[in-house]
């Protein structure tokens, strides 16, 4: 039985009363750049710049070159989140911790129909930048205090209010199953929990087993269901039909891309930050780990899809002084050389 079906059945069991465990981060503050495809099909990158972590923005140009870095306003804690709407316009969400009296708030900025940007607006209190679901329909974030999650859904009239989404002490992961319904994952006390969307609402949280020190979940949609990756003891573990150890020691959380044929490709930073590695799904399972020649990073990479179906990869160099970009030469094909995009960048990783 595929994992997606097993999860939808098992989630009716529910889970209550699991306390948060001391020593686990309330959220994982990613500092790798946030990336989205604009309405014109070209990539747009957003990243915080030291020393004040003000957001900056850079657009890809026709032909593959890049325009200059431009200030985007709004100091942020960690990387922002970028959402692409059904109309192709972008929305940016950033965590703001400047005002100690107001507490932690998410700030929001939306792109207008003509491509310009509206002002920054308050988007409510939270302890993390939101995680976005496939299609940009739902946002999930860690609540202030870190003891639960929040959920906010988009309707025809815009974003609804933040709602309590239950216990959770780790940054959530979300993916859409083959049935069109969302699956959400988080960790509490080092245990992975899952919750699924149903026509009647949301199921209860249920434990999904696996390593006992799990954190940093990442979820990906495949033609056959949802696959989840977690990090434990510096190794990545995969949940599909069952649990399997997936990698040697790594630094940070994995990044997962989906190739044009639906097969996944996973990217990790080696445990000693000496190399950037990737592994591609094949017809018979997973291929071997391969190393990008001359590439290293101390922050988790960011992977995205280009307009023509190729994967693009953004990494932050070990000293945090520059962002690099490389893309497949053809959909599902080999990887081209790295382009150095320069700053801004931040040397602090999760």
C-alpha atoms as a PDB file:
ATOM      1  CA  UNK A   1       0.000   0.000   0.000  1.00  0.00           C
ATOM      2  CA  UNK A   2       1.399   3.359  -0.941  1.00  0.00           C
ATOM      3  CA  UNK A   3       2.206   5.775   1.874  1.00  0.00           C
ATOM      4  CA  UNK A   4      -0.392   8.342   0.752  1.00  0.00           C
ATOM      5  CA  UNK A   5      -3.212   5.808   1.203  1.00  0.00           C
ATOM      6  CA  UNK A   6      -1.799   4.464   4.465  1.00  0.00           C
ATOM      7  CA  UNK A   7      -1.555   7.988   5.862  1.00  0.00           C
ATOM      8  CA  UNK A   8      -5.141   8.902   5.011  1.00  0.00           C
ATOM      9  CA  UNK A   9      -6.376   5.786   6.803  1.00  0.00           C
ATOM     10  CA  UNK A  10      -4.123   5.997   9.854  1.00  0.00           C
ATOM     11  CA  UNK A  11      -4.790   9.641  10.604  1.00  0.00           C
ATOM     12  CA  UNK A  12      -8.236   8.838  12.032  1.00  0.00           C
ATOM     13  CA  UNK A  13      -6.442   7.452  15.102  1.00  0.00           C
ATOM     14  CA  UNK A  14      -5.542  10.918  16.369  1.00  0.00           C
ATOM     15  CA  UNK A  15      -2.932  12.116  18.829  1.00  0.00           C
ATOM     16  CA  UNK A  16      -3.256  14.452  21.804  1.00  0.00           C
ATOM     17  CA  UNK A  17      -1.208  15.695  24.720  1.00  0.00           C
ATOM     18  CA  UNK A  18       2.357  15.301  23.465  1.00  0.00           C
ATOM     19  CA  UNK A  19       4.514  17.929  25.186  1.00  0.00           C
ATOM     20  CA  UNK A  20       7.165  19.928  23.392  1.00  0.00           C
ATOM     21  CA  UNK A  21      10.682  18.687  24.172  1.00  0.00           C
ATOM     22  CA  UNK A  22      13.295  21.080  25.463  1.00  0.00           C
ATOM     23  CA  UNK A  23      16.236  21.502  23.158  1.00  0.00           C
ATOM     24  CA  UNK A  24      14.313  21.421  19.894  1.00  0.00           C
ATOM     25  CA  UNK A  25      14.081  24.668  17.934  1.00  0.00           C
ATOM     26  CA  UNK A  26      10.677  26.284  17.803  1.00  0.00           C
ATOM     27  CA  UNK A  27      11.233  26.629  14.083  1.00  0.00           C
ATOM     28  CA  UNK A  28      14.002  26.159  11.575  1.00  0.00           C
ATOM     29  CA  UNK A  29      14.987  29.574  10.245  1.00  0.00           C
ATOM     30  CA  UNK A  30      16.074  28.952   6.691  1.00  0.00           C
ATOM     31  CA  UNK A  31      18.469  31.520   5.278  1.00  0.00           C
ATOM     32  CA  UNK A  32      18.882  30.128   1.780  1.00  0.00           C
ATOM     33  CA  UNK A  33      17.175  32.373  -0.760  1.00  0.00           C
ATOM     34  CA  UNK A  34      13.467  32.172  -1.487  1.00  0.00           C
ATOM     35  CA  UNK A  35      12.670  31.677  -5.167  1.00  0.00           C
ATOM     36  CA  UNK A  36       9.560  31.747  -7.349  1.00  0.00           C
ATOM     37  CA  UNK A  37       8.675  31.924 -11.032  1.00  0.00           C
ATOM     38  CA  UNK A  38       7.146  35.249 -11.979  1.00  0.00           C
ATOM     39  CA  UNK A  39       4.225  35.868 -14.308  1.00  0.00           C
ATOM     40  CA  UNK A  40       6.654  36.175 -17.227  1.00  0.00           C
ATOM     41  CA  UNK A  41       8.088  32.717 -16.491  1.00  0.00           C
ATOM     42  CA  UNK A  42      11.408  34.041 -15.230  1.00  0.00           C
ATOM     43  CA  UNK A  43      12.854  33.355 -11.779  1.00  0.00           C
ATOM     44  CA  UNK A  44      12.790  35.925  -8.981  1.00  0.00           C
ATOM     45  CA  UNK A  45      15.023  35.603  -5.894  1.00  0.00           C
ATOM     46  CA  UNK A  46      14.539  37.165  -2.449  1.00  0.00           C
ATOM     47  CA  UNK A  47      17.191  37.075   0.292  1.00  0.00           C
ATOM     48  CA  UNK A  48      18.117  38.932   3.501  1.00  0.00           C
ATOM     49  CA  UNK A  49      21.267  41.034   3.456  1.00  0.00           C
ATOM     50  CA  UNK A  50      23.546  41.734   6.442  1.00  0.00           C
ATOM     51  CA  UNK A  51      24.015  43.557   8.675  1.00  0.00           C
ATOM     52  CA  UNK A  52      20.352  44.406   9.261  1.00  0.00           C
ATOM     53  CA  UNK A  53      18.810  41.515   7.285  1.00  0.00           C
ATOM     54  CA  UNK A  54      16.923  43.877   4.965  1.00  0.00           C
ATOM     55  CA  UNK A  55      15.340  41.971   2.101  1.00  0.00           C
ATOM     56  CA  UNK A  56      16.786  42.321  -1.397  1.00  0.00           C
ATOM     57  CA  UNK A  57      15.411  41.099  -4.705  1.00  0.00           C
ATOM     58  CA  UNK A  58      16.913  40.019  -8.031  1.00  0.00           C
ATOM     59  CA  UNK A  59      15.136  39.070 -11.268  1.00  0.00           C
ATOM     60  CA  UNK A  60      16.249  36.760 -14.028  1.00  0.00           C
ATOM     61  CA  UNK A  61      16.337  38.359 -17.491  1.00  0.00           C
ATOM     62  CA  UNK A  62      15.317  36.839 -20.833  1.00  0.00           C
ATOM     63  CA  UNK A  63      18.175  34.674 -22.071  1.00  0.00           C
ATOM     64  CA  UNK A  64      19.279  33.573 -18.605  1.00  0.00           C
ATOM     65  CA  UNK A  65      21.266  36.570 -17.359  1.00  0.00           C
ATOM     66  CA  UNK A  66      20.359  38.267 -14.071  1.00  0.00           C
ATOM     67  CA  UNK A  67      19.464  41.847 -13.294  1.00  0.00           C
ATOM     68  CA  UNK A  68      20.981  43.711 -10.338  1.00  0.00           C
ATOM     69  CA  UNK A  69      20.138  43.206  -6.675  1.00  0.00           C
ATOM     70  CA  UNK A  70      17.569  45.775  -5.565  1.00  0.00           C
ATOM     71  CA  UNK A  71      16.379  46.677  -2.036  1.00  0.00           C
ATOM     72  CA  UNK A  72      12.995  45.155  -1.235  1.00  0.00           C
ATOM     73  CA  UNK A  73      12.532  46.634   2.239  1.00  0.00           C
ATOM     74  CA  UNK A  74      11.564  44.939   5.479  1.00  0.00           C
ATOM     75  CA  UNK A  75      14.203  43.446   7.810  1.00  0.00           C
ATOM     76  CA  UNK A  76      13.510  39.746   8.281  1.00  0.00           C
ATOM     77  CA  UNK A  77      14.508  36.872  10.523  1.00  0.00           C
ATOM     78  CA  UNK A  78      15.703  34.208   8.124  1.00  0.00           C
ATOM     79  CA  UNK A  79      14.574  33.815   4.540  1.00  0.00           C
ATOM     80  CA  UNK A  80      11.133  34.970   3.413  1.00  0.00           C
ATOM     81  CA  UNK A  81       8.408  32.839   1.833  1.00  0.00           C
ATOM     82  CA  UNK A  82       7.268  33.529  -1.732  1.00  0.00           C
ATOM     83  CA  UNK A  83       3.807  32.483  -2.944  1.00  0.00           C
ATOM     84  CA  UNK A  84       2.683  32.427  -6.574  1.00  0.00           C
ATOM     85  CA  UNK A  85      -1.049  33.053  -6.969  1.00  0.00           C
ATOM     86  CA  UNK A  86      -3.310  31.422  -9.559  1.00  0.00           C
ATOM     87  CA  UNK A  87      -2.975  34.581 -11.670  1.00  0.00           C
ATOM     88  CA  UNK A  88       0.830  34.288 -11.677  1.00  0.00           C
ATOM     89  CA  UNK A  89       1.441  37.219  -9.337  1.00  0.00           C
ATOM     90  CA  UNK A  90       3.777  36.854  -6.353  1.00  0.00           C
ATOM     91  CA  UNK A  91       3.295  37.483  -2.641  1.00  0.00           C
ATOM     92  CA  UNK A  92       6.169  37.710  -0.155  1.00  0.00           C
ATOM     93  CA  UNK A  93       5.910  36.914   3.576  1.00  0.00           C
ATOM     94  CA  UNK A  94       8.722  37.731   6.014  1.00  0.00           C
ATOM     95  CA  UNK A  95       9.129  37.288   9.775  1.00  0.00           C
ATOM     96  CA  UNK A  96       9.758  40.590  11.570  1.00  0.00           C
ATOM     97  CA  UNK A  97      11.168  40.628  15.126  1.00  0.00           C
ATOM     98  CA  UNK A  98      12.198  44.266  15.385  1.00  0.00           C
ATOM     99  CA  UNK A  99       9.409  45.428  17.714  1.00  0.00           C
ATOM    100  CA  UNK A 100       9.826  43.600  21.039  1.00  0.00           C
ATOM    101  CA  UNK A 101       6.571  45.074  22.341  1.00  0.00           C
ATOM    102  CA  UNK A 102       4.537  43.851  19.391  1.00  0.00           C
ATOM    103  CA  UNK A 103       6.263  40.462  19.402  1.00  0.00           C
ATOM    104  CA  UNK A 104       6.925  38.347  16.326  1.00  0.00           C
ATOM    105  CA  UNK A 105       4.843  39.292  13.297  1.00  0.00           C
ATOM    106  CA  UNK A 106       4.670  38.214   9.693  1.00  0.00           C
ATOM    107  CA  UNK A 107       4.777  41.048   7.174  1.00  0.00           C
ATOM    108  CA  UNK A 108       3.255  40.686   3.736  1.00  0.00           C
ATOM    109  CA  UNK A 109       3.793  42.370   0.367  1.00  0.00           C
ATOM    110  CA  UNK A 110       1.784  41.569  -2.792  1.00  0.00           C
ATOM    111  CA  UNK A 111       2.576  42.143  -6.437  1.00  0.00           C
ATOM    112  CA  UNK A 112       0.111  44.262  -8.434  1.00  0.00           C
ATOM    113  CA  UNK A 113      -1.286  43.423 -11.870  1.00  0.00           C
ATOM    114  CA  UNK A 114       1.237  45.717 -13.557  1.00  0.00           C
ATOM    115  CA  UNK A 115       4.166  43.923 -11.860  1.00  0.00           C
ATOM    116  CA  UNK A 116       4.857  46.641  -9.283  1.00  0.00           C
ATOM    117  CA  UNK A 117       4.722  45.891  -5.567  1.00  0.00           C
ATOM    118  CA  UNK A 118       2.268  47.133  -2.966  1.00  0.00           C
ATOM    119  CA  UNK A 119       3.336  48.238   0.529  1.00  0.00           C
ATOM    120  CA  UNK A 120       4.341  45.958   3.385  1.00  0.00           C
ATOM    121  CA  UNK A 121       1.338  45.040   5.555  1.00  0.00           C
ATOM    122  CA  UNK A 122       0.947  43.209   8.838  1.00  0.00           C
ATOM    123  CA  UNK A 123      -0.109  39.576   8.369  1.00  0.00           C
ATOM    124  CA  UNK A 124      -0.524  38.546  12.008  1.00  0.00           C
ATOM    125  CA  UNK A 125       1.578  37.208  14.867  1.00  0.00           C
ATOM    126  CA  UNK A 126       3.678  34.066  14.406  1.00  0.00           C
ATOM    127  CA  UNK A 127       7.091  32.672  15.319  1.00  0.00           C
ATOM    128  CA  UNK A 128       8.091  31.595  11.815  1.00  0.00           C
ATOM    129  CA  UNK A 129       7.701  32.670   8.237  1.00  0.00           C
ATOM    130  CA  UNK A 130       4.859  30.608   6.745  1.00  0.00           C
ATOM    131  CA  UNK A 131       5.218  27.389   4.794  1.00  0.00           C
ATOM    132  CA  UNK A 132       3.160  27.399   1.605  1.00  0.00           C
ATOM    133  CA  UNK A 133       1.162  24.526   0.124  1.00  0.00           C
ATOM    134  CA  UNK A 134       1.310  23.484  -3.517  1.00  0.00           C
ATOM    135  CA  UNK A 135      -0.745  25.964  -5.500  1.00  0.00           C
ATOM    136  CA  UNK A 136      -0.419  28.736  -2.909  1.00  0.00           C
ATOM    137  CA  UNK A 137      -3.825  28.003  -1.367  1.00  0.00           C
ATOM    138  CA  UNK A 138      -2.799  27.440   2.261  1.00  0.00           C
ATOM    139  CA  UNK A 139      -0.176  28.774   4.677  1.00  0.00           C
ATOM    140  CA  UNK A 140       1.118  27.086   7.841  1.00  0.00           C
ATOM    141  CA  UNK A 141       3.316  28.676  10.524  1.00  0.00           C
ATOM    142  CA  UNK A 142       4.547  28.114  14.075  1.00  0.00           C
ATOM    143  CA  UNK A 143       2.537  30.142  16.602  1.00  0.00           C
ATOM    144  CA  UNK A 144       4.196  32.554  18.999  1.00  0.00           C
ATOM    145  CA  UNK A 145       5.572  30.507  21.880  1.00  0.00           C
ATOM    146  CA  UNK A 146       6.174  27.477  19.655  1.00  0.00           C
ATOM    147  CA  UNK A 147       3.596  25.128  21.191  1.00  0.00           C
ATOM    148  CA  UNK A 148       1.223  24.908  18.239  1.00  0.00           C
ATOM    149  CA  UNK A 149       0.781  25.550  14.540  1.00  0.00           C
ATOM    150  CA  UNK A 150      -1.357  28.061  12.690  1.00  0.00           C
ATOM    151  CA  UNK A 151      -3.189  27.705   9.379  1.00  0.00           C
ATOM    152  CA  UNK A 152      -4.516  30.323   6.999  1.00  0.00           C
ATOM    153  CA  UNK A 153      -6.397  29.532   3.759  1.00  0.00           C
ATOM    154  CA  UNK A 154      -7.019  31.595   0.647  1.00  0.00           C
ATOM    155  CA  UNK A 155     -10.553  32.039  -0.668  1.00  0.00           C
ATOM    156  CA  UNK A 156     -11.979  34.000  -3.587  1.00  0.00           C
ATOM    157  CA  UNK A 157     -11.942  37.144  -1.462  1.00  0.00           C
ATOM    158  CA  UNK A 158      -8.351  36.779  -0.257  1.00  0.00           C
ATOM    159  CA  UNK A 159      -6.691  35.277   2.802  1.00  0.00           C
ATOM    160  CA  UNK A 160      -8.891  34.165   5.663  1.00  0.00           C
ATOM    161  CA  UNK A 161      -7.874  34.554   9.340  1.00  0.00           C
ATOM    162  CA  UNK A 162      -5.195  32.558  11.127  1.00  0.00           C
ATOM    163  CA  UNK A 163      -6.682  29.474  12.811  1.00  0.00           C
ATOM    164  CA  UNK A 164      -5.327  27.125  15.466  1.00  0.00           C
ATOM    165  CA  UNK A 165      -3.977  24.020  13.724  1.00  0.00           C
ATOM    166  CA  UNK A 166      -3.083  21.976  16.800  1.00  0.00           C
ATOM    167  CA  UNK A 167       0.110  20.913  18.511  1.00  0.00           C
ATOM    168  CA  UNK A 168       3.440  21.172  16.788  1.00  0.00           C
ATOM    169  CA  UNK A 169       6.857  22.433  17.845  1.00  0.00           C
ATOM    170  CA  UNK A 170       8.682  22.221  14.541  1.00  0.00           C
ATOM    171  CA  UNK A 171       8.427  24.054  11.245  1.00  0.00           C
ATOM    172  CA  UNK A 172       5.778  22.131   9.289  1.00  0.00           C
ATOM    173  CA  UNK A 173       6.068  20.538   5.856  1.00  0.00           C
ATOM    174  CA  UNK A 174       3.159  20.313   3.426  1.00  0.00           C
ATOM    175  CA  UNK A 175       2.460  18.586   0.114  1.00  0.00           C
ATOM    176  CA  UNK A 176      -0.599  17.732  -1.956  1.00  0.00           C
ATOM    177  CA  UNK A 177      -1.501  14.073  -2.459  1.00  0.00           C
ATOM    178  CA  UNK A 178      -2.715  12.479  -5.665  1.00  0.00           C
ATOM    179  CA  UNK A 179      -6.287  12.945  -4.454  1.00  0.00           C
ATOM    180  CA  UNK A 180      -5.789  16.717  -4.409  1.00  0.00           C
ATOM    181  CA  UNK A 181      -5.886  16.919  -0.604  1.00  0.00           C
ATOM    182  CA  UNK A 182      -3.070  18.403   1.483  1.00  0.00           C
ATOM    183  CA  UNK A 183      -0.879  16.472   3.921  1.00  0.00           C
ATOM    184  CA  UNK A 184       0.826  18.415   6.725  1.00  0.00           C
ATOM    185  CA  UNK A 185       3.728  17.162   8.856  1.00  0.00           C
ATOM    186  CA  UNK A 186       5.472  18.441  11.959  1.00  0.00           C
ATOM    187  CA  UNK A 187       7.547  17.084  14.836  1.00  0.00           C
ATOM    188  CA  UNK A 188       6.825  17.070  18.564  1.00  0.00           C
ATOM    189  CA  UNK A 189       9.438  15.722  20.990  1.00  0.00           C
ATOM    190  CA  UNK A 190      11.385  14.314  18.043  1.00  0.00           C
ATOM    191  CA  UNK A 191       8.390  12.379  16.707  1.00  0.00           C
ATOM    192  CA  UNK A 192       6.930  12.927  13.233  1.00  0.00           C
ATOM    193  CA  UNK A 193       3.195  13.607  13.124  1.00  0.00           C
ATOM    194  CA  UNK A 194       0.895  13.834  10.124  1.00  0.00           C
ATOM    195  CA  UNK A 195      -2.487  15.369   9.420  1.00  0.00           C
ATOM    196  CA  UNK A 196      -4.519  15.196   6.217  1.00  0.00           C
ATOM    197  CA  UNK A 197      -7.179  17.327   4.584  1.00  0.00           C
ATOM    198  CA  UNK A 198     -10.528  15.655   3.939  1.00  0.00           C
ATOM    199  CA  UNK A 199     -13.775  16.827   2.299  1.00  0.00           C
ATOM    200  CA  UNK A 200     -15.150  17.315   5.831  1.00  0.00           C
ATOM    201  CA  UNK A 201     -12.155  19.280   7.154  1.00  0.00           C
ATOM    202  CA  UNK A 202      -8.897  18.144   8.729  1.00  0.00           C
ATOM    203  CA  UNK A 203      -8.175  14.808  10.392  1.00  0.00           C
ATOM    204  CA  UNK A 204      -6.516  14.550  13.801  1.00  0.00           C
ATOM    205  CA  UNK A 205      -2.733  14.365  14.191  1.00  0.00           C
ATOM    206  CA  UNK A 206      -1.292  10.866  14.192  1.00  0.00           C
ATOM    207  CA  UNK A 207       2.255   9.588  14.906  1.00  0.00           C
ATOM    208  CA  UNK A 208       4.047   8.184  11.864  1.00  0.00           C
ATOM    209  CA  UNK A 209       6.861   6.272  13.541  1.00  0.00           C
ATOM    210  CA  UNK A 210      10.384   6.473  12.216  1.00  0.00           C
ATOM    211  CA  UNK A 211      13.480   7.819  13.987  1.00  0.00           C
ATOM    212  CA  UNK A 212      12.991   9.044  17.555  1.00  0.00           C
ATOM    213  CA  UNK A 213      14.962  12.261  17.086  1.00  0.00           C
ATOM    214  CA  UNK A 214      13.294  13.525  13.910  1.00  0.00           C
ATOM    215  CA  UNK A 215      13.281  17.185  12.907  1.00  0.00           C
ATOM    216  CA  UNK A 216      13.214  19.410   9.797  1.00  0.00           C
ATOM    217  CA  UNK A 217      10.565  17.482   7.796  1.00  0.00           C
ATOM    218  CA  UNK A 218      10.338  18.047   4.046  1.00  0.00           C
ATOM    219  CA  UNK A 219       7.402  16.697   2.010  1.00  0.00           C
ATOM    220  CA  UNK A 220       7.140  16.186  -1.755  1.00  0.00           C
ATOM    221  CA  UNK A 221       4.304  15.172  -4.055  1.00  0.00           C
ATOM    222  CA  UNK A 222       4.855  12.328  -6.527  1.00  0.00           C
ATOM    223  CA  UNK A 223       2.514  10.678  -9.027  1.00  0.00           C
ATOM    224  CA  UNK A 224       2.021   7.829  -6.532  1.00  0.00           C
ATOM    225  CA  UNK A 225       1.608   9.825  -3.321  1.00  0.00           C
ATOM    226  CA  UNK A 226       3.463  11.964  -0.786  1.00  0.00           C
ATOM    227  CA  UNK A 227       7.033  11.248   0.327  1.00  0.00           C
ATOM    228  CA  UNK A 228       8.449  12.691   3.568  1.00  0.00           C
ATOM    229  CA  UNK A 229      12.089  13.223   4.510  1.00  0.00           C
ATOM    230  CA  UNK A 230      13.276  14.002   8.063  1.00  0.00           C
ATOM    231  CA  UNK A 231      16.708  14.516   9.589  1.00  0.00           C
ATOM    232  CA  UNK A 232      17.816  12.493  12.617  1.00  0.00           C
ATOM    233  CA  UNK A 233      21.331  12.029  13.991  1.00  0.00           C
ATOM    234  CA  UNK A 234      22.543  14.126  11.020  1.00  0.00           C
ATOM    235  CA  UNK A 235      21.150  11.595   8.544  1.00  0.00           C
ATOM    236  CA  UNK A 236      18.157  11.957   6.255  1.00  0.00           C
ATOM    237  CA  UNK A 237      15.413   9.325   6.558  1.00  0.00           C
ATOM    238  CA  UNK A 238      12.703   8.696   3.961  1.00  0.00           C
ATOM    239  CA  UNK A 239       9.066   7.680   4.563  1.00  0.00           C
ATOM    240  CA  UNK A 240       7.360   6.190   1.527  1.00  0.00           C
ATOM    241  CA  UNK A 241       6.074   2.600   1.787  1.00  0.00           C
ATOM    242  CA  UNK A 242       7.958   2.479   5.087  1.00  0.00           C
ATOM    243  CA  UNK A 243      10.934   4.109   6.742  1.00  0.00           C
ATOM    244  CA  UNK A 244      14.420   3.890   5.230  1.00  0.00           C
ATOM    245  CA  UNK A 245      17.719   5.589   5.994  1.00  0.00           C
ATOM    246  CA  UNK A 246      18.461   7.806   3.034  1.00  0.00           C
ATOM    247  CA  UNK A 247      21.843   9.488   3.483  1.00  0.00           C
ATOM    248  CA  UNK A 248      25.194   9.660   5.164  1.00  0.00           C
ATOM    249  CA  UNK A 249      25.758  12.567   7.655  1.00  0.00           C
ATOM    250  CA  UNK A 250      24.403  15.876   6.398  1.00  0.00           C
ATOM    251  CA  UNK A 251      24.185  19.488   7.549  1.00  0.00           C
ATOM    252  CA  UNK A 252      20.760  21.109   7.782  1.00  0.00           C
ATOM    253  CA  UNK A 253      17.580  19.967   6.065  1.00  0.00           C
ATOM    254  CA  UNK A 254      17.364  18.383   2.606  1.00  0.00           C
ATOM    255  CA  UNK A 255      15.887  20.154  -0.400  1.00  0.00           C
ATOM    256  CA  UNK A 256      13.660  18.214  -2.784  1.00  0.00           C
ATOM    257  CA  UNK A 257      12.839  18.986  -6.423  1.00  0.00           C
ATOM    258  CA  UNK A 258      10.520  17.205  -8.836  1.00  0.00           C
ATOM    259  CA  UNK A 259      11.816  16.594 -12.333  1.00  0.00           C
ATOM    260  CA  UNK A 260       9.692  17.044 -15.455  1.00  0.00           C
ATOM    261  CA  UNK A 261       8.925  13.297 -15.503  1.00  0.00           C
ATOM    262  CA  UNK A 262       7.675  13.401 -11.880  1.00  0.00           C
ATOM    263  CA  UNK A 263      10.734  11.769 -10.362  1.00  0.00           C
ATOM    264  CA  UNK A 264      12.272  13.393  -7.299  1.00  0.00           C
ATOM    265  CA  UNK A 265      15.795  14.723  -6.856  1.00  0.00           C
ATOM    266  CA  UNK A 266      17.161  15.362  -3.347  1.00  0.00           C
ATOM    267  CA  UNK A 267      19.953  17.807  -2.449  1.00  0.00           C
ATOM    268  CA  UNK A 268      21.957  17.879   0.793  1.00  0.00           C
ATOM    269  CA  UNK A 269      25.027  19.544   2.265  1.00  0.00           C
ATOM    270  CA  UNK A 270      27.599  17.025   3.496  1.00  0.00           C
ATOM    271  CA  UNK A 271      28.076  16.744   7.256  1.00  0.00           C
ATOM    272  CA  UNK A 272      31.425  18.555   7.138  1.00  0.00           C
ATOM    273  CA  UNK A 273      30.063  21.142   4.639  1.00  0.00           C
ATOM    274  CA  UNK A 274      32.809  20.083   2.216  1.00  0.00           C
ATOM    275  CA  UNK A 275      30.463  19.270  -0.654  1.00  0.00           C
ATOM    276  CA  UNK A 276      26.984  19.631  -2.089  1.00  0.00           C
ATOM    277  CA  UNK A 277      25.426  16.311  -3.075  1.00  0.00           C
ATOM    278  CA  UNK A 278      22.325  15.141  -4.911  1.00  0.00           C
ATOM    279  CA  UNK A 279      20.505  11.882  -5.570  1.00  0.00           C
ATOM    280  CA  UNK A 280      17.957  11.217  -8.321  1.00  0.00           C
ATOM    281  CA  UNK A 281      14.983   8.869  -8.341  1.00  0.00           C
ATOM    282  CA  UNK A 282      15.057   6.235 -11.108  1.00  0.00           C
ATOM    283  CA  UNK A 283      12.617   3.669 -12.475  1.00  0.00           C
ATOM    284  CA  UNK A 284      14.005   1.083 -10.038  1.00  0.00           C
ATOM    285  CA  UNK A 285      14.524   3.225  -6.932  1.00  0.00           C
ATOM    286  CA  UNK A 286      17.159   5.789  -6.028  1.00  0.00           C
ATOM    287  CA  UNK A 287      20.364   6.313  -7.949  1.00  0.00           C
ATOM    288  CA  UNK A 288      23.723   6.869  -6.228  1.00  0.00           C
ATOM    289  CA  UNK A 289      24.732  10.063  -4.457  1.00  0.00           C
ATOM    290  CA  UNK A 290      26.676  12.389  -6.726  1.00  0.00           C
ATOM    291  CA  UNK A 291      28.775  15.412  -5.807  1.00  0.00           C
ATOM    292  CA  UNK A 292      28.671  18.781  -7.539  1.00  0.00           C
ATOM    293  CA  UNK A 293      32.272  19.461  -8.490  1.00  0.00           C
ATOM    294  CA  UNK A 294      33.725  22.418  -6.621  1.00  0.00           C
ATOM    295  CA  UNK A 295      30.477  23.241  -4.831  1.00  0.00           C
ATOM    296  CA  UNK A 296      30.126  23.540  -1.069  1.00  0.00           C
ATOM    297  CA  UNK A 297      27.692  25.247   1.288  1.00  0.00           C
ATOM    298  CA  UNK A 298      26.878  25.421   4.970  1.00  0.00           C
ATOM    299  CA  UNK A 299      23.198  26.291   4.427  1.00  0.00           C
ATOM    300  CA  UNK A 300      20.485  24.071   3.024  1.00  0.00           C
ATOM    301  CA  UNK A 301      20.005  24.666  -0.707  1.00  0.00           C
ATOM    302  CA  UNK A 302      16.872  25.948  -2.435  1.00  0.00           C
ATOM    303  CA  UNK A 303      15.522  24.068  -5.460  1.00  0.00           C
ATOM    304  CA  UNK A 304      12.892  25.282  -7.918  1.00  0.00           C
ATOM    305  CA  UNK A 305      11.549  24.561 -11.403  1.00  0.00           C
ATOM    306  CA  UNK A 306      12.138  26.809 -14.391  1.00  0.00           C
ATOM    307  CA  UNK A 307       9.495  27.650 -16.977  1.00  0.00           C
ATOM    308  CA  UNK A 308      10.759  24.983 -19.388  1.00  0.00           C
ATOM    309  CA  UNK A 309      10.758  22.169 -16.793  1.00  0.00           C
ATOM    310  CA  UNK A 310      14.389  22.217 -15.725  1.00  0.00           C
ATOM    311  CA  UNK A 311      15.388  22.249 -12.063  1.00  0.00           C
ATOM    312  CA  UNK A 312      17.316  25.227 -10.703  1.00  0.00           C
ATOM    313  CA  UNK A 313      19.436  25.149  -7.543  1.00  0.00           C
ATOM    314  CA  UNK A 314      20.441  28.077  -5.312  1.00  0.00           C
ATOM    315  CA  UNK A 315      23.099  27.717  -2.625  1.00  0.00           C
ATOM    316  CA  UNK A 316      24.724  30.004  -0.086  1.00  0.00           C
ATOM    317  CA  UNK A 317      28.511  29.801  -0.060  1.00  0.00           C
ATOM    318  CA  UNK A 318      30.180  28.628   3.184  1.00  0.00           C
ATOM    319  CA  UNK A 319      31.255  32.090   4.323  1.00  0.00           C
ATOM    320  CA  UNK A 320      27.798  33.460   3.474  1.00  0.00           C
ATOM    321  CA  UNK A 321      29.183  36.072   1.119  1.00  0.00           C
ATOM    322  CA  UNK A 322      27.468  34.984  -2.086  1.00  0.00           C
ATOM    323  CA  UNK A 323      24.545  33.091  -3.626  1.00  0.00           C
ATOM    324  CA  UNK A 324      25.236  30.743  -6.541  1.00  0.00           C
ATOM    325  CA  UNK A 325      22.780  29.346  -9.096  1.00  0.00           C
ATOM    326  CA  UNK A 326      22.977  26.378 -11.415  1.00  0.00           C
ATOM    327  CA  UNK A 327      20.326  24.719 -13.598  1.00  0.00           C
ATOM    328  CA  UNK A 328      19.850  21.522 -15.550  1.00  0.00           C
ATOM    329  CA  UNK A 329      20.873  21.864 -19.194  1.00  0.00           C
ATOM    330  CA  UNK A 330      17.631  20.090 -20.191  1.00  0.00           C
ATOM    331  CA  UNK A 331      14.601  18.813 -18.226  1.00  0.00           C
ATOM    332  CA  UNK A 332      15.840  15.873 -16.144  1.00  0.00           C
ATOM    333  CA  UNK A 333      19.291  16.189 -17.692  1.00  0.00           C
ATOM    334  CA  UNK A 334      22.787  16.980 -16.443  1.00  0.00           C
ATOM    335  CA  UNK A 335      23.624  20.116 -14.507  1.00  0.00           C
ATOM    336  CA  UNK A 336      25.272  23.159 -16.011  1.00  0.00           C
ATOM    337  CA  UNK A 337      27.970  25.304 -14.390  1.00  0.00           C
ATOM    338  CA  UNK A 338      27.299  27.589 -11.447  1.00  0.00           C
ATOM    339  CA  UNK A 339      26.542  31.275 -11.875  1.00  0.00           C
ATOM    340  CA  UNK A 340      27.703  33.510  -9.034  1.00  0.00           C
ATOM    341  CA  UNK A 341      24.889  35.901  -8.130  1.00  0.00           C
ATOM    342  CA  UNK A 342      26.800  37.661  -5.379  1.00  0.00           C
ATOM    343  CA  UNK A 343      25.156  39.192  -2.331  1.00  0.00           C
ATOM    344  CA  UNK A 344      23.093  39.747  -0.478  1.00  0.00           C
ATOM    345  CA  UNK A 345      23.547  36.737   1.728  1.00  0.00           C
ATOM    346  CA  UNK A 346      23.579  35.856   5.397  1.00  0.00           C
ATOM    347  CA  UNK A 347      26.117  33.476   6.978  1.00  0.00           C
ATOM    348  CA  UNK A 348      23.674  32.195   9.634  1.00  0.00           C
ATOM    349  CA  UNK A 349      21.976  28.898   8.849  1.00  0.00           C
ATOM    350  CA  UNK A 350      19.284  26.941  10.681  1.00  0.00           C
END
